[in-house]
């Protein structure tokens, strides 16, 4: 069971966020310390986030990634337009056409 938790549940529950992994491991370690430092697999199991918490975090991650993707696309378009304008300003042929 421990191998399954370590490879499947931790990976799934953390949703790729190292901060969440740290919180889970910190809680499990705290329970182990309360029990005279004796490690039990149940501490890790108890420390895992609930399915509802994981679903909420996953939704937030997906919304954040979508937001970032849109912002990056807009920034790339703006940069491309700025490069084009700069290239036109530096190109004497374009400058002459605009000045006429």
Foldseek 3Di string as FASTA:
>chain_A
DLVCCVPPVLCQQCVPPVVLSVQLVVQLQVVCVVVVNDHDVVSSVVSGDDPVVSVVVNVVVVVVVVVVVVVVVVVVVVVVVVVVVVVLVVDVVSVVVVVD
